[in-house]
Amino acid sequence: MKLKTLTIIGLLLILLACGGKKEQGTSPAPYFSLKDVNGKTLTLEDFKGEPFVLVFWATWCPTCRKEIPLLNKLAQEGHRVVSITLNRDQEQVKRFIEEHHIIYPVLMGTYQVTIDYGNIRFLPTIFLINTKGYIVGKSVGMFPEEEAQRLFKNSR
């Protein structure tokens, strides 16, 4: 498992080292239009213009729970973090957000968005999207803090 994670991280770093000028080998992030837990609709276009991390997660996922402090820290440092929950119960998600002091946007996922982003099967699944809306990295499982910092630094 560690070898797979290191391989994914290595590939992410190689992609990011290209500096975003060459977008060959990257693909546009699939468009989404989803409601947040308060009913406000947000789209992919709302997040273009600066790099952001897009996290697919669920309240019942232990690794997702462990990742919340890192994602909050990134958001507090001014990095863009957007999450899409695969939970269906909006009120349960609202309570979870309050209990865990989540400070980044939480969107209510749909079956279609999981398909559009490559048939999400494992959680968390994390995408790094650059300023132009291209996916330049993907990680499945826990996202190490030092790698997250490096990804943001290299994607600006």
C-alpha atoms as a PDB file:
ATOM      1  CA  MET A   1       0.000   0.000   0.000  1.00  0.00           C
ATOM      2  CA  LYS A   2       2.831   2.425   0.858  1.00  0.00           C
ATOM      3  CA  LEU A   3       4.535   1.725  -2.470  1.00  0.00           C
ATOM      4  CA  LYS A   4       1.317   2.519  -4.333  1.00  0.00           C
ATOM      5  CA  THR A   5       0.898   5.778  -2.383  1.00  0.00           C
ATOM      6  CA  LEU A   6       4.519   6.778  -3.027  1.00  0.00           C
ATOM      7  CA  THR A   7       4.101   5.993  -6.718  1.00  0.00           C
ATOM      8  CA  ILE A   8       0.981   8.172  -6.933  1.00  0.00           C
ATOM      9  CA  ILE A   9       2.704  11.010  -5.087  1.00  0.00           C
ATOM     10  CA  GLY A  10       5.714  10.717  -7.385  1.00  0.00           C
ATOM     11  CA  LEU A  11       3.477  10.930 -10.444  1.00  0.00           C
ATOM     12  CA  LEU A  12       1.719  13.973  -8.984  1.00  0.00           C
ATOM     13  CA  LEU A  13       5.035  15.706  -8.449  1.00  0.00           C
ATOM     14  CA  ILE A  14       6.169  14.944 -11.985  1.00  0.00           C
ATOM     15  CA  LEU A  15       2.927  16.346 -13.384  1.00  0.00           C
ATOM     16  CA  LEU A  16       3.228  19.473 -11.283  1.00  0.00           C
ATOM     17  CA  ALA A  17       6.871  19.977 -12.192  1.00  0.00           C
ATOM     18  CA  CYS A  18       5.686  20.694 -15.727  1.00  0.00           C
ATOM     19  CA  GLY A  19       4.483  24.008 -14.306  1.00  0.00           C
ATOM     20  CA  GLY A  20       1.052  24.118 -15.885  1.00  0.00           C
ATOM     21  CA  LYS A  21       2.392  25.609 -19.138  1.00  0.00           C
ATOM     22  CA  LYS A  22       2.180  22.263 -20.874  1.00  0.00           C
ATOM     23  CA  GLU A  23      -1.248  20.852 -20.367  1.00  0.00           C
ATOM     24  CA  GLN A  24      -0.610  17.759 -22.399  1.00  0.00           C
ATOM     25  CA  GLY A  25      -1.322  14.705 -20.333  1.00  0.00           C
ATOM     26  CA  THR A  26      -3.775  16.583 -18.150  1.00  0.00           C
ATOM     27  CA  SER A  27      -7.481  16.760 -18.648  1.00  0.00           C
ATOM     28  CA  PRO A  28     -10.064  19.413 -17.909  1.00  0.00           C
ATOM     29  CA  ALA A  29     -11.849  18.857 -14.620  1.00  0.00           C
ATOM     30  CA  PRO A  30     -15.377  17.665 -15.355  1.00  0.00           C
ATOM     31  CA  TYR A  31     -17.985  20.355 -14.877  1.00  0.00           C
ATOM     32  CA  PHE A  32     -20.156  20.098 -11.794  1.00  0.00           C
ATOM     33  CA  SER A  33     -23.048  22.058 -10.371  1.00  0.00           C
ATOM     34  CA  LEU A  34     -23.819  20.938  -6.833  1.00  0.00           C
ATOM     35  CA  LYS A  35     -25.572  22.326  -3.793  1.00  0.00           C
ATOM     36  CA  ASP A  36     -23.665  22.914  -0.590  1.00  0.00           C
ATOM     37  CA  VAL A  37     -25.140  21.789   2.724  1.00  0.00           C
ATOM     38  CA  ASN A  38     -27.048  25.085   2.994  1.00  0.00           C
ATOM     39  CA  GLY A  39     -28.634  24.748  -0.439  1.00  0.00           C
ATOM     40  CA  LYS A  40     -26.390  27.214  -2.321  1.00  0.00           C
ATOM     41  CA  THR A  41     -25.417  25.987  -5.795  1.00  0.00           C
ATOM     42  CA  LEU A  42     -21.708  26.031  -6.596  1.00  0.00           C
ATOM     43  CA  THR A  43     -20.131  25.079  -9.903  1.00  0.00           C
ATOM     44  CA  LEU A  44     -16.642  24.277 -11.139  1.00  0.00           C
ATOM     45  CA  GLU A  45     -16.509  27.798 -12.573  1.00  0.00           C
ATOM     46  CA  ASP A  46     -16.796  29.262  -9.054  1.00  0.00           C
ATOM     47  CA  PHE A  47     -13.380  27.801  -8.224  1.00  0.00           C
ATOM     48  CA  LYS A  48     -11.399  28.558 -11.393  1.00  0.00           C
ATOM     49  CA  GLY A  49      -8.609  31.092 -11.252  1.00  0.00           C
ATOM     50  CA  GLU A  50      -6.611  29.541  -8.429  1.00  0.00           C
ATOM     51  CA  PRO A  51      -5.508  25.993  -7.755  1.00  0.00           C
ATOM     52  CA  PHE A  52      -7.706  23.939  -5.497  1.00  0.00           C
ATOM     53  CA  VAL A  53      -7.992  20.536  -3.941  1.00  0.00           C
ATOM     54  CA  LEU A  54     -11.226  18.677  -4.639  1.00  0.00           C
ATOM     55  CA  VAL A  55     -11.889  15.911  -2.112  1.00  0.00           C
ATOM     56  CA  PHE A  56     -14.490  13.175  -2.438  1.00  0.00           C
ATOM     57  CA  TRP A  57     -15.290  11.852   1.046  1.00  0.00           C
ATOM     58  CA  ALA A  58     -17.976  10.574   3.431  1.00  0.00           C
ATOM     59  CA  THR A  59     -18.656  10.901   7.148  1.00  0.00           C
ATOM     60  CA  TRP A  60     -18.411   7.124   7.629  1.00  0.00           C
ATOM     61  CA  CYS A  61     -14.894   6.950   6.106  1.00  0.00           C
ATOM     62  CA  PRO A  62     -12.189   6.716   8.839  1.00  0.00           C
ATOM     63  CA  THR A  63      -9.407   8.024   6.588  1.00  0.00           C
ATOM     64  CA  CYS A  64     -11.612  10.931   5.511  1.00  0.00           C
ATOM     65  CA  ARG A  65     -12.114  11.854   9.161  1.00  0.00           C
ATOM     66  CA  LYS A  66      -8.361  11.773   9.811  1.00  0.00           C
ATOM     67  CA  GLU A  67      -7.798  14.111   6.885  1.00  0.00           C
ATOM     68  CA  ILE A  68     -10.092  16.909   8.128  1.00  0.00           C
ATOM     69  CA  PRO A  69      -7.430  18.675  10.247  1.00  0.00           C
ATOM     70  CA  LEU A  70      -5.036  18.809   7.266  1.00  0.00           C
ATOM     71  CA  LEU A  71      -7.739  20.132   4.949  1.00  0.00           C
ATOM     72  CA  ASN A  72      -8.770  22.733   7.547  1.00  0.00           C
ATOM     73  CA  LYS A  73      -5.121  23.754   7.919  1.00  0.00           C
ATOM     74  CA  LEU A  74      -4.735  24.166   4.163  1.00  0.00           C
ATOM     75  CA  ALA A  75      -7.903  26.271   4.063  1.00  0.00           C
ATOM     76  CA  GLN A  76      -6.687  28.405   6.991  1.00  0.00           C
ATOM     77  CA  GLU A  77      -3.427  29.016   5.118  1.00  0.00           C
ATOM     78  CA  GLY A  78      -5.431  30.461   2.236  1.00  0.00           C
ATOM     79  CA  HIS A  79      -5.425  27.445  -0.062  1.00  0.00           C
ATOM     80  CA  ARG A  80      -8.651  26.497  -1.788  1.00  0.00           C
ATOM     81  CA  VAL A  81     -10.202  23.275  -0.544  1.00  0.00           C
ATOM     82  CA  VAL A  82     -13.549  22.020  -1.816  1.00  0.00           C
ATOM     83  CA  SER A  83     -15.140  18.765  -0.745  1.00  0.00           C
ATOM     84  CA  ILE A  84     -17.889  16.614  -2.163  1.00  0.00           C
ATOM     85  CA  THR A  85     -19.560  14.305   0.308  1.00  0.00           C
ATOM     86  CA  LEU A  86     -21.081  11.054  -0.815  1.00  0.00           C
ATOM     87  CA  ASN A  87     -23.462  11.027   2.141  1.00  0.00           C
ATOM     88  CA  ARG A  88     -27.129  11.408   1.250  1.00  0.00           C
ATOM     89  CA  ASP A  89     -28.451  12.858   4.514  1.00  0.00           C
ATOM     90  CA  GLN A  90     -27.855  16.610   4.336  1.00  0.00           C
ATOM     91  CA  GLU A  91     -28.770  17.225   7.987  1.00  0.00           C
ATOM     92  CA  GLN A  92     -26.350  14.540   9.142  1.00  0.00           C
ATOM     93  CA  VAL A  93     -23.588  16.185   7.094  1.00  0.00           C
ATOM     94  CA  LYS A  94     -24.418  19.603   8.592  1.00  0.00           C
ATOM     95  CA  ARG A  95     -24.079  18.171  12.102  1.00  0.00           C
ATOM     96  CA  PHE A  96     -20.815  16.480  11.143  1.00  0.00           C
ATOM     97  CA  ILE A  97     -19.422  19.750   9.780  1.00  0.00           C
ATOM     98  CA  GLU A  98     -20.244  21.516  13.035  1.00  0.00           C
ATOM     99  CA  GLU A  99     -18.848  18.725  15.218  1.00  0.00           C
ATOM    100  CA  HIS A 100     -15.599  18.561  13.262  1.00  0.00           C
ATOM    101  CA  HIS A 101     -15.295  22.328  12.663  1.00  0.00           C
ATOM    102  CA  ILE A 102     -14.935  21.968   8.888  1.00  0.00           C
ATOM    103  CA  ILE A 103     -14.197  25.394   7.401  1.00  0.00           C
ATOM    104  CA  TYR A 104     -14.075  24.606   3.673  1.00  0.00           C
ATOM    105  CA  PRO A 105     -17.089  24.199   1.352  1.00  0.00           C
ATOM    106  CA  VAL A 106     -18.901  20.859   1.527  1.00  0.00           C
ATOM    107  CA  LEU A 107     -20.996  20.011  -1.511  1.00  0.00           C
ATOM    108  CA  MET A 108     -23.608  17.274  -1.646  1.00  0.00           C
ATOM    109  CA  GLY A 109     -22.414  14.743  -4.216  1.00  0.00           C
ATOM    110  CA  THR A 110     -24.475  12.979  -6.822  1.00  0.00           C
ATOM    111  CA  TYR A 111     -24.042   9.678  -8.580  1.00  0.00           C
ATOM    112  CA  GLN A 112     -23.318  11.582 -11.789  1.00  0.00           C
ATOM    113  CA  VAL A 113     -20.389  13.570 -10.341  1.00  0.00           C
ATOM    114  CA  THR A 114     -18.757  10.355  -9.100  1.00  0.00           C
ATOM    115  CA  ILE A 115     -19.032   8.933 -12.622  1.00  0.00           C
ATOM    116  CA  ASP A 116     -17.761  12.159 -14.214  1.00  0.00           C
ATOM    117  CA  TYR A 117     -14.655  12.078 -12.020  1.00  0.00           C
ATOM    118  CA  GLY A 118     -13.683   8.566 -13.031  1.00  0.00           C
ATOM    119  CA  ASN A 119     -16.198   6.399 -11.190  1.00  0.00           C
ATOM    120  CA  ILE A 120     -15.087   7.207  -7.633  1.00  0.00           C
ATOM    121  CA  ARG A 121     -14.883   3.931  -5.706  1.00  0.00           C
ATOM    122  CA  PHE A 122     -12.433   4.618  -2.895  1.00  0.00           C
ATOM    123  CA  LEU A 123     -12.481   7.372  -0.305  1.00  0.00           C
ATOM    124  CA  PRO A 124     -11.000   9.778   0.072  1.00  0.00           C
ATOM    125  CA  THR A 125     -10.187  10.501  -3.557  1.00  0.00           C
ATOM    126  CA  ILE A 126      -8.439  13.823  -4.042  1.00  0.00           C
ATOM    127  CA  PHE A 127      -7.861  15.847  -7.186  1.00  0.00           C
ATOM    128  CA  LEU A 128      -5.570  18.840  -7.586  1.00  0.00           C
ATOM    129  CA  ILE A 129      -7.009  21.260 -10.110  1.00  0.00           C
ATOM    130  CA  ASN A 130      -4.888  24.085 -11.481  1.00  0.00           C
ATOM    131  CA  THR A 131      -5.830  27.703 -12.178  1.00  0.00           C
ATOM    132  CA  LYS A 132      -7.138  26.840 -15.647  1.00  0.00           C
ATOM    133  CA  GLY A 133      -9.424  24.068 -14.424  1.00  0.00           C
ATOM    134  CA  TYR A 134      -7.201  21.128 -15.423  1.00  0.00           C
ATOM    135  CA  ILE A 135      -6.672  18.079 -13.240  1.00  0.00           C
ATOM    136  CA  VAL A 136      -2.938  17.924 -12.569  1.00  0.00           C
ATOM    137  CA  GLY A 137      -2.946  15.350  -9.806  1.00  0.00           C
ATOM    138  CA  LYS A 138      -4.977  12.619  -8.169  1.00  0.00           C
ATOM    139  CA  SER A 139      -4.521  10.737  -4.922  1.00  0.00           C
ATOM    140  CA  VAL A 140      -6.521   7.929  -3.364  1.00  0.00           C
ATOM    141  CA  GLY A 141      -6.267   7.560   0.401  1.00  0.00           C
ATOM    142  CA  MET A 142      -4.658   9.781   3.025  1.00  0.00           C
ATOM    143  CA  PHE A 143      -3.027  12.895   1.579  1.00  0.00           C
ATOM    144  CA  PRO A 144       0.256  13.597   3.449  1.00  0.00           C
ATOM    145  CA  GLU A 145       0.575  17.205   4.628  1.00  0.00           C
ATOM    146  CA  GLU A 146       4.051  17.775   3.203  1.00  0.00           C
ATOM    147  CA  GLU A 147       2.882  16.598  -0.207  1.00  0.00           C
ATOM    148  CA  ALA A 148      -0.191  18.823  -0.058  1.00  0.00           C
ATOM    149  CA  GLN A 149       1.995  21.855   0.714  1.00  0.00           C
ATOM    150  CA  ARG A 150       4.378  20.973  -2.126  1.00  0.00           C
ATOM    151  CA  LEU A 151       1.494  20.491  -4.555  1.00  0.00           C
ATOM    152  CA  PHE A 152       0.094  23.947  -3.808  1.00  0.00           C
ATOM    153  CA  LYS A 153       3.526  25.561  -4.008  1.00  0.00           C
ATOM    154  CA  ASN A 154       4.252  24.003  -7.407  1.00  0.00           C
ATOM    155  CA  SER A 155       0.819  24.642  -8.915  1.00  0.00           C
ATOM    156  CA  ARG A 156       0.710  28.415  -8.570  1.00  0.00           C
END
